N, C-alpha and C. Protein backbone atom coordinates (compact mmCIF):
# COMPACT_ATOMS: atom_id res chain seq x y z
N UNK A 1 -25.26 164.44 41.53
CA UNK A 1 -24.68 165.49 42.34
C UNK A 1 -23.44 164.94 43.03
N UNK A 2 -22.35 165.63 42.89
CA UNK A 2 -21.10 165.20 43.50
C UNK A 2 -21.11 165.57 44.98
N UNK A 3 -20.70 164.62 45.80
CA UNK A 3 -20.66 164.81 47.23
C UNK A 3 -19.37 165.54 47.62
N UNK A 4 -19.49 166.51 48.50
CA UNK A 4 -18.31 167.26 48.95
C UNK A 4 -17.43 166.35 49.80
N UNK A 5 -16.15 166.45 49.63
CA UNK A 5 -15.23 165.64 50.42
C UNK A 5 -15.04 166.28 51.79
N UNK A 6 -14.64 165.46 52.74
CA UNK A 6 -14.42 165.93 54.10
C UNK A 6 -13.19 166.83 54.13
N UNK A 7 -13.18 167.79 55.03
CA UNK A 7 -12.00 168.65 55.15
C UNK A 7 -10.78 167.82 55.53
N UNK A 8 -9.62 168.27 55.11
CA UNK A 8 -8.38 167.54 55.39
C UNK A 8 -8.09 167.44 56.88
N UNK A 9 -8.62 168.36 57.66
CA UNK A 9 -8.35 168.33 59.10
C UNK A 9 -9.16 167.25 59.81
N UNK A 10 -10.15 166.68 59.15
CA UNK A 10 -10.95 165.63 59.77
C UNK A 10 -10.19 164.32 59.74
N UNK A 11 -9.98 163.71 60.91
CA UNK A 11 -9.22 162.46 60.94
C UNK A 11 -10.00 161.33 60.29
N UNK A 12 -9.29 160.47 59.60
CA UNK A 12 -9.90 159.31 58.98
C UNK A 12 -10.25 158.31 60.07
N UNK A 13 -11.24 157.45 59.78
CA UNK A 13 -11.67 156.44 60.75
C UNK A 13 -10.49 155.57 61.19
N UNK A 14 -9.66 155.20 60.25
CA UNK A 14 -8.50 154.36 60.57
C UNK A 14 -7.55 155.06 61.54
N UNK A 15 -7.36 156.34 61.36
CA UNK A 15 -6.49 157.12 62.25
C UNK A 15 -7.06 157.13 63.67
N UNK A 16 -8.38 157.29 63.77
CA UNK A 16 -9.01 157.28 65.09
C UNK A 16 -8.92 155.91 65.74
N UNK A 17 -9.17 154.86 64.97
CA UNK A 17 -9.07 153.51 65.51
C UNK A 17 -7.64 153.23 65.99
N UNK A 18 -6.66 153.65 65.21
CA UNK A 18 -5.26 153.47 65.60
C UNK A 18 -4.94 154.25 66.87
N UNK A 19 -5.49 155.45 67.00
CA UNK A 19 -5.26 156.25 68.20
C UNK A 19 -5.84 155.57 69.43
N UNK A 20 -7.01 154.97 69.29
CA UNK A 20 -7.63 154.24 70.39
C UNK A 20 -6.73 153.09 70.83
N UNK A 21 -6.28 152.30 69.87
CA UNK A 21 -5.45 151.14 70.18
C UNK A 21 -4.09 151.56 70.74
N UNK A 22 -3.54 152.66 70.24
CA UNK A 22 -2.27 153.17 70.75
C UNK A 22 -2.40 153.62 72.20
N UNK A 23 -3.44 154.38 72.50
CA UNK A 23 -3.65 154.84 73.87
C UNK A 23 -3.84 153.66 74.81
N UNK A 24 -4.60 152.67 74.39
CA UNK A 24 -4.79 151.48 75.23
C UNK A 24 -3.48 150.74 75.44
N UNK A 25 -2.65 150.70 74.41
CA UNK A 25 -1.35 150.03 74.52
C UNK A 25 -0.41 150.72 75.48
N UNK A 26 -0.63 152.00 75.73
CA UNK A 26 0.22 152.76 76.65
C UNK A 26 -0.22 152.61 78.10
N UNK A 27 -1.37 151.99 78.33
CA UNK A 27 -1.93 151.88 79.67
C UNK A 27 -1.59 150.54 80.31
N UNK A 28 -1.67 150.54 81.62
CA UNK A 28 -1.46 149.32 82.39
C UNK A 28 -2.60 148.34 82.08
N UNK A 29 -2.35 147.05 82.26
CA UNK A 29 -3.43 146.07 82.06
C UNK A 29 -4.63 146.41 82.95
N UNK A 30 -5.81 146.34 82.37
CA UNK A 30 -7.04 146.64 83.10
C UNK A 30 -7.43 148.09 83.10
N UNK A 31 -6.53 148.98 82.66
CA UNK A 31 -6.85 150.41 82.62
C UNK A 31 -7.74 150.71 81.42
N UNK A 32 -8.48 151.80 81.51
CA UNK A 32 -9.35 152.23 80.43
C UNK A 32 -9.03 153.66 80.03
N UNK A 33 -9.58 154.06 78.91
CA UNK A 33 -9.42 155.44 78.45
C UNK A 33 -10.80 156.05 78.22
N UNK A 34 -10.83 157.35 78.29
CA UNK A 34 -12.03 158.11 78.01
C UNK A 34 -12.06 158.44 76.52
N UNK A 35 -13.23 158.38 75.89
CA UNK A 35 -13.29 158.72 74.46
C UNK A 35 -12.72 160.11 74.15
N UNK A 36 -12.86 161.04 75.07
CA UNK A 36 -12.34 162.39 74.81
C UNK A 36 -10.81 162.40 74.72
N UNK A 37 -10.14 161.44 75.36
CA UNK A 37 -8.69 161.35 75.24
C UNK A 37 -8.28 161.08 73.80
N UNK A 38 -9.08 160.28 73.11
CA UNK A 38 -8.79 159.96 71.71
C UNK A 38 -8.90 161.22 70.86
N UNK A 39 -9.99 161.95 71.04
CA UNK A 39 -10.18 163.18 70.27
C UNK A 39 -9.05 164.18 70.55
N UNK A 40 -8.67 164.30 71.80
CA UNK A 40 -7.59 165.23 72.16
C UNK A 40 -6.26 164.80 71.53
N UNK A 41 -6.03 163.51 71.48
CA UNK A 41 -4.78 163.01 70.89
C UNK A 41 -4.71 163.35 69.39
N UNK A 42 -5.84 163.30 68.73
CA UNK A 42 -5.88 163.52 67.29
C UNK A 42 -5.85 165.01 66.93
N UNK A 43 -6.68 165.81 67.58
CA UNK A 43 -6.80 167.21 67.16
C UNK A 43 -6.29 168.24 68.16
N UNK A 44 -5.83 167.79 69.30
CA UNK A 44 -5.29 168.72 70.27
C UNK A 44 -6.26 169.05 71.38
N UNK A 45 -5.79 169.79 72.36
CA UNK A 45 -6.58 170.03 73.57
C UNK A 45 -7.70 171.05 73.43
N UNK A 46 -7.72 171.82 72.37
CA UNK A 46 -8.69 172.91 72.28
C UNK A 46 -9.89 172.65 71.38
N UNK A 47 -9.73 171.84 70.36
CA UNK A 47 -10.81 171.71 69.37
C UNK A 47 -11.29 170.27 69.23
N UNK A 48 -11.34 169.54 70.33
CA UNK A 48 -11.65 168.12 70.28
C UNK A 48 -13.13 167.81 70.29
N UNK A 49 -13.95 168.63 70.87
CA UNK A 49 -15.39 168.32 71.00
C UNK A 49 -16.09 168.06 69.66
N UNK A 50 -15.81 168.83 68.62
CA UNK A 50 -16.49 168.56 67.34
C UNK A 50 -16.13 167.19 66.74
N UNK A 51 -15.08 166.55 67.22
CA UNK A 51 -14.64 165.26 66.68
C UNK A 51 -15.22 164.06 67.44
N UNK A 52 -16.03 164.32 68.46
CA UNK A 52 -16.52 163.22 69.28
C UNK A 52 -17.42 162.24 68.50
N UNK A 53 -18.22 162.72 67.57
CA UNK A 53 -19.04 161.80 66.77
C UNK A 53 -18.14 160.85 65.98
N UNK A 54 -17.03 161.36 65.46
CA UNK A 54 -16.08 160.51 64.73
C UNK A 54 -15.44 159.48 65.66
N UNK A 55 -15.11 159.91 66.87
CA UNK A 55 -14.53 158.99 67.85
C UNK A 55 -15.54 157.90 68.20
N UNK A 56 -16.79 158.29 68.44
CA UNK A 56 -17.82 157.30 68.77
C UNK A 56 -17.97 156.28 67.63
N UNK A 57 -17.91 156.73 66.40
CA UNK A 57 -18.02 155.82 65.25
C UNK A 57 -16.85 154.85 65.22
N UNK A 58 -15.64 155.34 65.50
CA UNK A 58 -14.46 154.47 65.54
C UNK A 58 -14.58 153.46 66.67
N UNK A 59 -15.08 153.89 67.81
CA UNK A 59 -15.31 152.99 68.95
C UNK A 59 -16.30 151.91 68.56
N UNK A 60 -17.40 152.30 67.93
CA UNK A 60 -18.40 151.32 67.50
C UNK A 60 -17.79 150.29 66.56
N UNK A 61 -16.97 150.74 65.63
CA UNK A 61 -16.33 149.85 64.68
C UNK A 61 -15.41 148.85 65.38
N UNK A 62 -14.56 149.33 66.27
CA UNK A 62 -13.64 148.45 66.99
C UNK A 62 -14.39 147.50 67.92
N UNK A 63 -15.46 147.99 68.53
CA UNK A 63 -16.23 147.14 69.44
C UNK A 63 -16.95 146.04 68.66
N UNK A 64 -17.46 146.36 67.51
CA UNK A 64 -18.15 145.38 66.67
C UNK A 64 -17.21 144.25 66.27
N UNK A 65 -15.96 144.58 66.01
CA UNK A 65 -14.99 143.56 65.61
C UNK A 65 -14.40 142.81 66.80
N UNK A 66 -14.72 143.26 68.01
CA UNK A 66 -14.20 142.60 69.20
C UNK A 66 -12.83 143.06 69.62
N UNK A 67 -12.34 144.15 69.04
CA UNK A 67 -11.00 144.64 69.35
C UNK A 67 -10.92 145.34 70.70
N UNK A 68 -12.04 145.88 71.17
CA UNK A 68 -12.07 146.61 72.44
C UNK A 68 -13.28 146.18 73.25
N UNK A 69 -13.25 146.55 74.52
CA UNK A 69 -14.39 146.33 75.42
C UNK A 69 -14.86 147.69 75.92
N UNK A 70 -16.13 147.78 76.23
CA UNK A 70 -16.70 149.02 76.76
C UNK A 70 -17.20 148.77 78.17
N UNK A 71 -17.07 149.79 79.02
CA UNK A 71 -17.55 149.66 80.39
C UNK A 71 -17.93 151.02 80.93
N UNK A 72 -18.63 150.98 82.07
CA UNK A 72 -18.92 152.20 82.81
C UNK A 72 -18.97 151.83 84.28
N UNK A 73 -18.17 152.52 85.07
CA UNK A 73 -18.08 152.27 86.51
C UNK A 73 -17.85 150.80 86.82
N UNK A 74 -16.97 150.19 86.02
CA UNK A 74 -16.57 148.81 86.26
C UNK A 74 -17.50 147.75 85.69
N UNK A 75 -18.61 148.15 85.14
CA UNK A 75 -19.58 147.20 84.58
C UNK A 75 -19.43 147.16 83.06
N UNK A 76 -19.40 145.95 82.52
CA UNK A 76 -19.28 145.77 81.07
C UNK A 76 -20.52 146.29 80.37
N UNK A 77 -20.32 146.89 79.21
CA UNK A 77 -21.44 147.38 78.39
C UNK A 77 -21.51 146.56 77.10
N UNK A 78 -22.70 146.09 76.72
CA UNK A 78 -22.83 145.33 75.47
C UNK A 78 -22.71 146.21 74.24
N UNK A 79 -23.00 147.51 74.39
CA UNK A 79 -22.86 148.46 73.29
C UNK A 79 -22.66 149.85 73.87
N UNK A 80 -22.23 150.75 73.03
CA UNK A 80 -21.98 152.13 73.46
C UNK A 80 -23.32 152.83 73.67
N UNK A 81 -23.50 153.33 74.88
CA UNK A 81 -24.71 154.08 75.21
C UNK A 81 -24.41 154.93 76.44
N UNK A 82 -24.66 156.22 76.35
CA UNK A 82 -24.38 157.09 77.48
C UNK A 82 -22.89 157.17 77.74
N UNK A 83 -22.51 157.52 78.97
CA UNK A 83 -21.09 157.61 79.29
C UNK A 83 -20.45 156.22 79.26
N UNK A 84 -19.20 156.17 78.85
CA UNK A 84 -18.51 154.89 78.77
C UNK A 84 -17.00 155.08 78.80
N UNK A 85 -16.31 153.99 79.08
CA UNK A 85 -14.86 153.92 79.04
C UNK A 85 -14.48 152.84 78.04
N UNK A 86 -13.29 152.96 77.48
CA UNK A 86 -12.80 152.02 76.48
C UNK A 86 -11.66 151.22 77.11
N UNK A 87 -11.71 149.92 76.97
CA UNK A 87 -10.65 149.07 77.51
C UNK A 87 -10.22 148.02 76.52
N UNK A 88 -9.13 147.35 76.86
CA UNK A 88 -8.66 146.24 76.04
C UNK A 88 -9.62 145.07 76.21
N UNK A 89 -9.84 144.35 75.15
CA UNK A 89 -10.64 143.14 75.22
C UNK A 89 -9.86 142.10 75.98
N UNK A 90 -10.52 141.45 76.95
CA UNK A 90 -9.85 140.38 77.71
C UNK A 90 -9.53 139.21 76.79
N UNK A 91 -8.35 138.62 76.93
CA UNK A 91 -7.96 137.51 76.07
C UNK A 91 -8.82 136.27 76.28
């Protein structure tokens, strides 16, 4: 059985990862971003909620490779769980 391809409007994982890194690059050192900012950057301000699972997957991928850090209310998170913020990995 042939698997249906994803709609063209669905952002690729690489595009989401790049959006995360781009947004972080635009921020001051120590600043973080909300995962919803990534979805809004990719699909716009109105239809971002359906893309959150894709954003979470991109966050997991970048976090696994050590490219980003996760936190909530200033506390480091070892993995994505519940609410979280995305930050640059400390050098």
